[in-house]
Amino acid sequence: MENATSDKRLLESRVRGRPSSTSKGKDGFKWKTKFPERRSDRVRDVLPAYVPGPNSEAKNLDSIEKFWDVLFNDEMIDTIVTNTNKKIEEVCLEKATIT
């Protein structure tokens, strides 16, 4: 009875000009009658070809010192030096109290 009802709905759908995108099997399993459309937002379609190497500011640099300046600005270097000096003092104080 259920199969006859689904066949009837399928025929009515087709009569109205709309093709059905699913069919039901005897066990009630829904089968898709259309393949899924290919999506254009797949990663391999979106990503440009990758060219390794420096880009933006670093692209035209010609010395190690200039690369260093791009990687680390003065504020970053000051922070590194300050925190390194603090750590050295802490380690020295620990060793002085241990011995």
PDB file of N, CA and C in Angstrom:
ATOM      1  N   MET A   1       0.830  -1.204   0.000  1.00  0.00           N
ATOM      2  CA  MET A   1       0.000   0.000   0.000  1.00  0.00           C
ATOM      3  C   MET A   1       0.869   1.261   0.000  1.00  0.00           C
ATOM      4  N   GLU A   2       1.895   1.258   0.868  1.00  0.00           N
ATOM      5  CA  GLU A   2       2.769   2.430   0.951  1.00  0.00           C
ATOM      6  C   GLU A   2       3.510   2.642  -0.359  1.00  0.00           C
ATOM      7  N   ASN A   3       3.936   1.560  -0.992  1.00  0.00           N
ATOM      8  CA  ASN A   3       4.655   1.646  -2.257  1.00  0.00           C
ATOM      9  C   ASN A   3       3.754   2.233  -3.342  1.00  0.00           C
ATOM     10  N   ALA A   4       2.483   1.850  -3.331  1.00  0.00           N
ATOM     11  CA  ALA A   4       1.529   2.383  -4.310  1.00  0.00           C
ATOM     12  C   ALA A   4       1.332   3.878  -4.089  1.00  0.00           C
ATOM     13  N   THR A   5       1.300   4.293  -2.835  1.00  0.00           N
ATOM     14  CA  THR A   5       1.128   5.714  -2.522  1.00  0.00           C
ATOM     15  C   THR A   5       2.331   6.517  -2.999  1.00  0.00           C
ATOM     16  N   SER A   6       3.532   5.999  -2.774  1.00  0.00           N
ATOM     17  CA  SER A   6       4.716   6.740  -3.209  1.00  0.00           C
ATOM     18  C   SER A   6       4.805   6.772  -4.725  1.00  0.00           C
ATOM     19  N   ASP A   7       4.403   5.669  -5.395  1.00  0.00           N
ATOM     20  CA  ASP A   7       4.375   5.668  -6.865  1.00  0.00           C
ATOM     21  C   ASP A   7       3.380   6.700  -7.376  1.00  0.00           C
ATOM     22  N   LYS A   8       2.244   6.803  -6.710  1.00  0.00           N
ATOM     23  CA  LYS A   8       1.216   7.771  -7.110  1.00  0.00           C
ATOM     24  C   LYS A   8       1.752   9.198  -6.970  1.00  0.00           C
ATOM     25  N   ARG A   9       2.419   9.467  -5.821  1.00  0.00           N
ATOM     26  CA  ARG A   9       2.985  10.804  -5.621  1.00  0.00           C
ATOM     27  C   ARG A   9       4.056  11.111  -6.656  1.00  0.00           C
ATOM     28  N   LEU A  10       4.845  10.111  -6.996  1.00  0.00           N
ATOM     29  CA  LEU A  10       5.890  10.284  -7.997  1.00  0.00           C
ATOM     30  C   LEU A  10       5.275  10.642  -9.344  1.00  0.00           C
ATOM     31  N   LEU A  11       4.223   9.939  -9.725  1.00  0.00           N
ATOM     32  CA  LEU A  11       3.544  10.230 -10.997  1.00  0.00           C
ATOM     33  C   LEU A  11       2.911  11.617 -10.977  1.00  0.00           C
ATOM     34  N   GLU A  12       2.266  11.982  -9.857  1.00  0.00           N
ATOM     35  CA  GLU A  12       1.652  13.309  -9.754  1.00  0.00           C
ATOM     36  C   GLU A  12       2.710  14.402  -9.855  1.00  0.00           C
ATOM     37  N   SER A  13       3.845  14.181  -9.247  1.00  0.00           N
ATOM     38  CA  SER A  13       4.928  15.153  -9.301  1.00  0.00           C
ATOM     39  C   SER A  13       5.393  15.343 -10.732  1.00  0.00           C
ATOM     40  N   ARG A  14       5.536  14.240 -11.454  1.00  0.00           N
ATOM     41  CA  ARG A  14       5.981  14.327 -12.844  1.00  0.00           C
ATOM     42  C   ARG A  14       4.922  14.967 -13.728  1.00  0.00           C
ATOM     43  N   VAL A  15       3.645  14.732 -13.441  1.00  0.00           N
ATOM     44  CA  VAL A  15       2.563  15.341 -14.222  1.00  0.00           C
ATOM     45  C   VAL A  15       2.599  16.852 -14.059  1.00  0.00           C
ATOM     46  N   ARG A  16       2.921  17.317 -12.857  1.00  0.00           N
ATOM     47  CA  ARG A  16       2.989  18.765 -12.622  1.00  0.00           C
ATOM     48  C   ARG A  16       4.246  19.375 -13.222  1.00  0.00           C
ATOM     49  N   GLY A  17       5.099  18.562 -13.835  1.00  0.00           N
ATOM     50  CA  GLY A  17       6.287  19.093 -14.479  1.00  0.00           C
ATOM     51  C   GLY A  17       7.511  19.148 -13.598  1.00  0.00           C
ATOM     52  N   ARG A  18       7.401  18.576 -12.417  1.00  0.00           N
ATOM     53  CA  ARG A  18       8.545  18.569 -11.510  1.00  0.00           C
ATOM     54  C   ARG A  18       9.088  17.156 -11.402  1.00  0.00           C
ATOM     55  N   PRO A  19      10.287  16.937 -11.885  1.00  0.00           N
ATOM     56  CA  PRO A  19      10.853  15.596 -11.741  1.00  0.00           C
ATOM     57  C   PRO A  19      11.182  15.318 -10.280  1.00  0.00           C
ATOM     58  N   SER A  20      10.965  14.108  -9.865  1.00  0.00           N
ATOM     59  CA  SER A  20      11.250  13.734  -8.488  1.00  0.00           C
ATOM     60  C   SER A  20      12.749  13.516  -8.326  1.00  0.00           C
ATOM     61  N   SER A  21      13.281  13.950  -7.206  1.00  0.00           N
ATOM     62  CA  SER A  21      14.711  13.774  -6.973  1.00  0.00           C
ATOM     63  C   SER A  21      14.989  12.568  -6.084  1.00  0.00           C
ATOM     64  N   THR A  22      13.926  11.913  -5.584  1.00  0.00           N
ATOM     65  CA  THR A  22      14.113  10.721  -4.760  1.00  0.00           C
ATOM     66  C   THR A  22      13.088   9.659  -5.121  1.00  0.00           C
ATOM     67  N   SER A  23      13.451   8.422  -4.853  1.00  0.00           N
ATOM     68  CA  SER A  23      12.533   7.286  -4.977  1.00  0.00           C
ATOM     69  C   SER A  23      12.685   6.454  -3.722  1.00  0.00           C
ATOM     70  N   LYS A  24      11.602   5.788  -3.334  1.00  0.00           N
ATOM     71  CA  LYS A  24      11.656   4.942  -2.149  1.00  0.00           C
ATOM     72  C   LYS A  24      11.744   3.490  -2.566  1.00  0.00           C
ATOM     73  N   GLY A  25      12.623   2.748  -1.896  1.00  0.00           N
ATOM     74  CA  GLY A  25      12.748   1.322  -2.132  1.00  0.00           C
ATOM     75  C   GLY A  25      11.699   0.556  -1.356  1.00  0.00           C
ATOM     76  N   LYS A  26      11.626  -0.767  -1.568  1.00  0.00           N
ATOM     77  CA  LYS A  26      10.649  -1.606  -0.876  1.00  0.00           C
ATOM     78  C   LYS A  26      10.837  -1.559   0.633  1.00  0.00           C
ATOM     79  N   ASP A  27      12.074  -1.407   1.055  1.00  0.00           N
ATOM     80  CA  ASP A  27      12.355  -1.373   2.490  1.00  0.00           C
ATOM     81  C   ASP A  27      12.246   0.030   3.080  1.00  0.00           C
ATOM     82  N   GLY A  28      11.824   1.010   2.260  1.00  0.00           N
ATOM     83  CA  GLY A  28      11.658   2.379   2.741  1.00  0.00           C
ATOM     84  C   GLY A  28      12.885   3.253   2.558  1.00  0.00           C
ATOM     85  N   PHE A  29      13.969   2.682   2.027  1.00  0.00           N
ATOM     86  CA  PHE A  29      15.190   3.454   1.816  1.00  0.00           C
ATOM     87  C   PHE A  29      14.961   4.489   0.725  1.00  0.00           C
ATOM     88  N   LYS A  30      15.402   5.724   0.965  1.00  0.00           N
ATOM     89  CA  LYS A  30      15.250   6.788  -0.035  1.00  0.00           C
ATOM     90  C   LYS A  30      16.453   6.795  -0.957  1.00  0.00           C
ATOM     91  N   TRP A  31      16.209   6.654  -2.249  1.00  0.00           N
ATOM     92  CA  TRP A  31      17.258   6.696  -3.254  1.00  0.00           C
ATOM     93  C   TRP A  31      17.206   8.033  -3.957  1.00  0.00           C
ATOM     94  N   LYS A  32      18.350   8.663  -4.128  1.00  0.00           N
ATOM     95  CA  LYS A  32      18.400   9.920  -4.878  1.00  0.00           C
ATOM     96  C   LYS A  32      18.503   9.599  -6.359  1.00  0.00           C
ATOM     97  N   THR A  33      17.738  10.313  -7.161  1.00  0.00           N
ATOM     98  CA  THR A  33      17.743  10.058  -8.600  1.00  0.00           C
ATOM     99  C   THR A  33      18.619  11.041  -9.352  1.00  0.00           C
ATOM    100  N   LYS A  34      19.150  12.034  -8.650  1.00  0.00           N
ATOM    101  CA  LYS A  34      20.025  13.016  -9.289  1.00  0.00           C
ATOM    102  C   LYS A  34      21.384  12.989  -8.610  1.00  0.00           C
ATOM    103  N   PHE A  35      22.412  13.137  -9.410  1.00  0.00           N
ATOM    104  CA  PHE A  35      23.748  13.275  -8.846  1.00  0.00           C
ATOM    105  C   PHE A  35      23.868  14.656  -8.219  1.00  0.00           C
ATOM    106  N   PRO A  36      24.605  14.786  -7.117  1.00  0.00           N
ATOM    107  CA  PRO A  36      24.806  16.122  -6.546  1.00  0.00           C
ATOM    108  C   PRO A  36      25.598  16.988  -7.521  1.00  0.00           C
ATOM    109  N   GLU A  37      25.256  18.263  -7.551  1.00  0.00           N
ATOM    110  CA  GLU A  37      25.968  19.176  -8.441  1.00  0.00           C
ATOM    111  C   GLU A  37      27.374  19.403  -7.913  1.00  0.00           C
ATOM    112  N   ARG A  38      28.291  19.564  -8.831  1.00  0.00           N
ATOM    113  CA  ARG A  38      29.668  19.831  -8.428  1.00  0.00           C
ATOM    114  C   ARG A  38      29.731  21.218  -7.804  1.00  0.00           C
ATOM    115  N   ARG A  39      30.377  21.297  -6.664  1.00  0.00           N
ATOM    116  CA  ARG A  39      30.508  22.576  -5.974  1.00  0.00           C
ATOM    117  C   ARG A  39      31.740  23.299  -6.480  1.00  0.00           C
ATOM    118  N   SER A  40      31.598  24.581  -6.702  1.00  0.00           N
ATOM    119  CA  SER A  40      32.726  25.350  -7.222  1.00  0.00           C
ATOM    120  C   SER A  40      33.623  25.892  -6.117  1.00  0.00           C
ATOM    121  N   ASP A  41      33.229  25.699  -4.854  1.00  0.00           N
ATOM    122  CA  ASP A  41      34.027  26.255  -3.767  1.00  0.00           C
ATOM    123  C   ASP A  41      34.965  25.214  -3.146  1.00  0.00           C
ATOM    124  N   ARG A  42      35.316  24.214  -3.890  1.00  0.00           N
ATOM    125  CA  ARG A  42      36.275  23.237  -3.386  1.00  0.00           C
ATOM    126  C   ARG A  42      37.632  23.904  -3.228  1.00  0.00           C
ATOM    127  N   VAL A  43      38.390  23.432  -2.293  1.00  0.00           N
ATOM    128  CA  VAL A  43      39.666  24.063  -1.962  1.00  0.00           C
ATOM    129  C   VAL A  43      40.589  24.103  -3.165  1.00  0.00           C
ATOM    130  N   ARG A  44      40.682  23.014  -3.892  1.00  0.00           N
ATOM    131  CA  ARG A  44      41.629  23.006  -5.004  1.00  0.00           C
ATOM    132  C   ARG A  44      41.216  23.962  -6.118  1.00  0.00           C
ATOM    133  N   ASP A  45      39.914  24.300  -6.199  1.00  0.00           N
ATOM    134  CA  ASP A  45      39.457  25.238  -7.212  1.00  0.00           C
ATOM    135  C   ASP A  45      39.668  26.690  -6.782  1.00  0.00           C
ATOM    136  N   VAL A  46      39.733  26.927  -5.483  1.00  0.00           N
ATOM    137  CA  VAL A  46      39.780  28.286  -4.956  1.00  0.00           C
ATOM    138  C   VAL A  46      41.210  28.778  -4.754  1.00  0.00           C
ATOM    139  N   LEU A  47      42.073  27.896  -4.268  1.00  0.00           N
ATOM    140  CA  LEU A  47      43.426  28.326  -3.930  1.00  0.00           C
ATOM    141  C   LEU A  47      44.261  28.573  -5.182  1.00  0.00           C
ATOM    142  N   PRO A  48      44.946  29.694  -5.222  1.00  0.00           N
ATOM    143  CA  PRO A  48      45.849  29.929  -6.355  1.00  0.00           C
ATOM    144  C   PRO A  48      47.081  29.044  -6.221  1.00  0.00           C
ATOM    145  N   ALA A  49      47.799  28.906  -7.296  1.00  0.00           N
ATOM    146  CA  ALA A  49      49.026  28.111  -7.251  1.00  0.00           C
ATOM    147  C   ALA A  49      49.981  28.739  -6.243  1.00  0.00           C
ATOM    148  N   TYR A  50      50.601  27.916  -5.428  1.00  0.00           N
ATOM    149  CA  TYR A  50      51.507  28.409  -4.389  1.00  0.00           C
ATOM    150  C   TYR A  50      52.923  28.482  -4.938  1.00  0.00           C
ATOM    151  N   VAL A  51      53.504  29.648  -4.824  1.00  0.00           N
ATOM    152  CA  VAL A  51      54.897  29.835  -5.224  1.00  0.00           C
ATOM    153  C   VAL A  51      55.688  30.116  -3.955  1.00  0.00           C
ATOM    154  N   PRO A  52      56.573  29.202  -3.547  1.00  0.00           N
ATOM    155  CA  PRO A  52      57.315  29.412  -2.307  1.00  0.00           C
ATOM    156  C   PRO A  52      58.315  30.553  -2.431  1.00  0.00           C
ATOM    157  N   GLY A  53      58.565  31.186  -1.313  1.00  0.00           N
ATOM    158  CA  GLY A  53      59.541  32.262  -1.290  1.00  0.00           C
ATOM    159  C   GLY A  53      58.996  33.479  -0.582  1.00  0.00           C
ATOM    160  N   PRO A  54      59.829  34.488  -0.421  1.00  0.00           N
ATOM    161  CA  PRO A  54      59.392  35.698   0.278  1.00  0.00           C
ATOM    162  C   PRO A  54      58.340  36.457  -0.523  1.00  0.00           C
ATOM    163  N   ASN A  55      57.492  37.182   0.201  1.00  0.00           N
ATOM    164  CA  ASN A  55      56.503  38.025  -0.469  1.00  0.00           C
ATOM    165  C   ASN A  55      56.382  39.359   0.261  1.00  0.00           C
ATOM    166  N   SER A  56      55.555  40.210  -0.229  1.00  0.00           N
ATOM    167  CA  SER A  56      55.324  41.574   0.272  1.00  0.00           C
ATOM    168  C   SER A  56      56.643  42.298   0.533  1.00  0.00           C
ATOM    169  N   GLU A  57      56.854  42.760   1.770  1.00  0.00           N
ATOM    170  CA  GLU A  57      58.045  43.568   2.075  1.00  0.00           C
ATOM    171  C   GLU A  57      59.347  42.822   1.817  1.00  0.00           C
ATOM    172  N   ALA A  58      59.362  41.534   2.087  1.00  0.00           N
ATOM    173  CA  ALA A  58      60.600  40.757   2.007  1.00  0.00           C
ATOM    174  C   ALA A  58      60.989  40.390   0.580  1.00  0.00           C
ATOM    175  N   LYS A  59      60.124  40.638  -0.362  1.00  0.00           N
ATOM    176  CA  LYS A  59      60.369  40.189  -1.735  1.00  0.00           C
ATOM    177  C   LYS A  59      61.618  40.812  -2.356  1.00  0.00           C
ATOM    178  N   ASN A  60      61.879  42.073  -2.084  1.00  0.00           N
ATOM    179  CA  ASN A  60      62.984  42.771  -2.742  1.00  0.00           C
ATOM    180  C   ASN A  60      64.185  43.027  -1.835  1.00  0.00           C
ATOM    181  N   LEU A  61      64.241  42.361  -0.684  1.00  0.00           N
ATOM    182  CA  LEU A  61      65.359  42.568   0.238  1.00  0.00           C
ATOM    183  C   LEU A  61      66.580  41.792  -0.233  1.00  0.00           C
ATOM    184  N   ASP A  62      67.765  42.370   0.039  1.00  0.00           N
ATOM    185  CA  ASP A  62      68.982  41.761  -0.495  1.00  0.00           C
ATOM    186  C   ASP A  62      70.045  41.439   0.554  1.00  0.00           C
ATOM    187  N   SER A  63      69.725  41.618   1.839  1.00  0.00           N
ATOM    188  CA  SER A  63      70.720  41.284   2.860  1.00  0.00           C
ATOM    189  C   SER A  63      70.023  40.677   4.079  1.00  0.00           C
ATOM    190  N   ILE A  64      70.798  39.919   4.846  1.00  0.00           N
ATOM    191  CA  ILE A  64      70.259  39.272   6.042  1.00  0.00           C
ATOM    192  C   ILE A  64      69.790  40.312   7.050  1.00  0.00           C
ATOM    193  N   GLU A  65      70.528  41.399   7.167  1.00  0.00           N
ATOM    194  CA  GLU A  65      70.164  42.452   8.114  1.00  0.00           C
ATOM    195  C   GLU A  65      68.794  43.046   7.775  1.00  0.00           C
ATOM    196  N   LYS A  66      68.522  43.232   6.496  1.00  0.00           N
ATOM    197  CA  LYS A  66      67.230  43.794   6.083  1.00  0.00           C
ATOM    198  C   LYS A  66      66.092  42.803   6.358  1.00  0.00           C
ATOM    199  N   PHE A  67      66.357  41.512   6.129  1.00  0.00           N
ATOM    200  CA  PHE A  67      65.354  40.500   6.466  1.00  0.00           C
ATOM    201  C   PHE A  67      65.070  40.517   7.966  1.00  0.00           C
ATOM    202  N   TRP A  68      66.126  40.617   8.768  1.00  0.00           N
ATOM    203  CA  TRP A  68      65.993  40.663  10.217  1.00  0.00           C
ATOM    204  C   TRP A  68      65.117  41.843  10.634  1.00  0.00           C
ATOM    205  N   ASP A  69      65.348  43.004  10.022  1.00  0.00           N
ATOM    206  CA  ASP A  69      64.563  44.198  10.352  1.00  0.00           C
ATOM    207  C   ASP A  69      63.086  44.020  10.016  1.00  0.00           C
ATOM    208  N   VAL A  70      62.796  43.265   8.964  1.00  0.00           N
ATOM    209  CA  VAL A  70      61.394  43.008   8.605  1.00  0.00           C
ATOM    210  C   VAL A  70      60.764  42.039   9.610  1.00  0.00           C
ATOM    211  N   LEU A  71      61.530  41.031  10.032  1.00  0.00           N
ATOM    212  CA  LEU A  71      61.000  40.032  10.961  1.00  0.00           C
ATOM    213  C   LEU A  71      60.791  40.585  12.367  1.00  0.00           C
ATOM    214  N   PHE A  72      61.757  41.367  12.863  1.00  0.00           N
ATOM    215  CA  PHE A  72      61.722  41.859  14.237  1.00  0.00           C
ATOM    216  C   PHE A  72      61.871  43.371  14.257  1.00  0.00           C
ATOM    217  N   ASN A  73      60.826  44.071  14.723  1.00  0.00           N
ATOM    218  CA  ASN A  73      60.959  45.523  14.862  1.00  0.00           C
ATOM    219  C   ASN A  73      61.636  45.838  16.200  1.00  0.00           C
ATOM    220  N   ASP A  74      61.978  47.094  16.418  1.00  0.00           N
ATOM    221  CA  ASP A  74      62.723  47.497  17.619  1.00  0.00           C
ATOM    222  C   ASP A  74      61.963  47.172  18.904  1.00  0.00           C
ATOM    223  N   GLU A  75      60.655  47.334  18.884  1.00  0.00           N
ATOM    224  CA  GLU A  75      59.851  47.049  20.074  1.00  0.00           C
ATOM    225  C   GLU A  75      59.936  45.564  20.449  1.00  0.00           C
ATOM    226  N   MET A  76      59.894  44.699  19.445  1.00  0.00           N
ATOM    227  CA  MET A  76      60.002  43.262  19.706  1.00  0.00           C
ATOM    228  C   MET A  76      61.372  42.913  20.280  1.00  0.00           C
ATOM    229  N   ILE A  77      62.407  43.486  19.727  1.00  0.00           N
ATOM    230  CA  ILE A  77      63.766  43.213  20.215  1.00  0.00           C
ATOM    231  C   ILE A  77      63.921  43.692  21.654  1.00  0.00           C
ATOM    232  N   ASP A  78      63.379  44.884  21.968  1.00  0.00           N
ATOM    233  CA  ASP A  78      63.442  45.393  23.342  1.00  0.00           C
ATOM    234  C   ASP A  78      62.727  44.447  24.307  1.00  0.00           C
ATOM    235  N   THR A  79      61.576  43.934  23.902  1.00  0.00           N
ATOM    236  CA  THR A  79      60.824  43.004  24.748  1.00  0.00           C
ATOM    237  C   THR A  79      61.621  41.725  24.986  1.00  0.00           C
ATOM    238  N   ILE A  80      62.223  41.201  23.943  1.00  0.00           N
ATOM    239  CA  ILE A  80      63.027  39.977  24.064  1.00  0.00           C
ATOM    240  C   ILE A  80      64.215  40.200  24.993  1.00  0.00           C
ATOM    241  N   VAL A  81      64.921  41.310  24.812  1.00  0.00           N
ATOM    242  CA  VAL A  81      66.098  41.604  25.642  1.00  0.00           C
ATOM    243  C   VAL A  81      65.692  41.789  27.100  1.00  0.00           C
ATOM    244  N   THR A  82      64.629  42.534  27.343  1.00  0.00           N
ATOM    245  CA  THR A  82      64.173  42.786  28.715  1.00  0.00           C
ATOM    246  C   THR A  82      63.816  41.480  29.417  1.00  0.00           C
ATOM    247  N   ASN A  83      63.027  40.641  28.753  1.00  0.00           N
ATOM    248  CA  ASN A  83      62.605  39.383  29.379  1.00  0.00           C
ATOM    249  C   ASN A  83      63.757  38.394  29.522  1.00  0.00           C
ATOM    250  N   THR A  84      64.681  38.404  28.585  1.00  0.00           N
ATOM    251  CA  THR A  84      65.860  37.538  28.700  1.00  0.00           C
ATOM    252  C   THR A  84      66.701  37.961  29.897  1.00  0.00           C
ATOM    253  N   ASN A  85      66.896  39.263  30.065  1.00  0.00           N
ATOM    254  CA  ASN A  85      67.669  39.764  31.213  1.00  0.00           C
ATOM    255  C   ASN A  85      66.988  39.414  32.537  1.00  0.00           C
ATOM    256  N   LYS A  86      65.656  39.507  32.589  1.00  0.00           N
ATOM    257  CA  LYS A  86      64.927  39.127  33.806  1.00  0.00           C
ATOM    258  C   LYS A  86      65.153  37.656  34.130  1.00  0.00           C
ATOM    259  N   LYS A  87      65.072  36.821  33.121  1.00  0.00           N
ATOM    260  CA  LYS A  87      65.265  35.380  33.330  1.00  0.00           C
ATOM    261  C   LYS A  87      66.686  35.083  33.804  1.00  0.00           C
ATOM    262  N   ILE A  88      67.670  35.761  33.229  1.00  0.00           N
ATOM    263  CA  ILE A  88      69.068  35.572  33.645  1.00  0.00           C
ATOM    264  C   ILE A  88      69.232  35.942  35.113  1.00  0.00           C
ATOM    265  N   GLU A  89      68.626  37.062  35.525  1.00  0.00           N
ATOM    266  CA  GLU A  89      68.712  37.483  36.929  1.00  0.00           C
ATOM    267  C   GLU A  89      68.065  36.451  37.847  1.00  0.00           C
ATOM    268  N   GLU A  90      66.900  35.910  37.442  1.00  0.00           N
ATOM    269  CA  GLU A  90      66.216  34.903  38.258  1.00  0.00           C
ATOM    270  C   GLU A  90      67.078  33.652  38.418  1.00  0.00           C
ATOM    271  N   VAL A  91      67.664  33.200  37.336  1.00  0.00           N
ATOM    272  CA  VAL A  91      68.497  31.994  37.381  1.00  0.00           C
ATOM    273  C   VAL A  91      69.733  32.234  38.239  1.00  0.00           C
ATOM    274  N   CYS A  92      70.349  33.400  38.095  1.00  0.00           N
ATOM    275  CA  CYS A  92      71.538  33.725  38.896  1.00  0.00           C
ATOM    276  C   CYS A  92      71.193  33.786  40.377  1.00  0.00           C
ATOM    277  N   LEU A  93      70.042  34.371  40.725  1.00  0.00           N
ATOM    278  CA  LEU A  93      69.624  34.442  42.126  1.00  0.00           C
ATOM    279  C   LEU A  93      69.355  33.047  42.685  1.00  0.00           C
ATOM    280  N   GLU A  94      68.732  32.176  41.892  1.00  0.00           N
ATOM    281  CA  GLU A  94      68.470  30.804  42.345  1.00  0.00           C
ATOM    282  C   GLU A  94      69.777  30.072  42.622  1.00  0.00           C
ATOM    283  N   LYS A  95      70.727  30.214  41.718  1.00  0.00           N
ATOM    284  CA  LYS A  95      72.017  29.535  41.893  1.00  0.00           C
ATOM    285  C   LYS A  95      72.777  30.104  43.086  1.00  0.00           C
ATOM    286  N   ALA A  96      72.648  31.407  43.330  1.00  0.00           N
ATOM    287  CA  ALA A  96      73.343  32.036  44.458  1.00  0.00           C
ATOM    288  C   ALA A  96      72.760  31.548  45.778  1.00  0.00           C
ATOM    289  N   THR A  97      71.461  31.325  45.825  1.00  0.00           N
ATOM    290  CA  THR A  97      70.838  30.862  47.071  1.00  0.00           C
ATOM    291  C   THR A  97      71.062  29.373  47.291  1.00  0.00           C
ATOM    292  N   ILE A  98      71.263  28.616  46.219  1.00  0.00           N
ATOM    293  CA  ILE A  98      71.492  27.172  46.338  1.00  0.00           C
ATOM    294  C   ILE A  98      72.905  26.897  46.845  1.00  0.00           C
ATOM    295  N   THR A  99      73.880  27.635  46.363  1.00  0.00           N
ATOM    296  CA  THR A  99      75.278  27.370  46.743  1.00  0.00           C
ATOM    297  C   THR A  99      75.690  28.080  47.988  1.00  0.00           C
TER     298      THR A  99
END
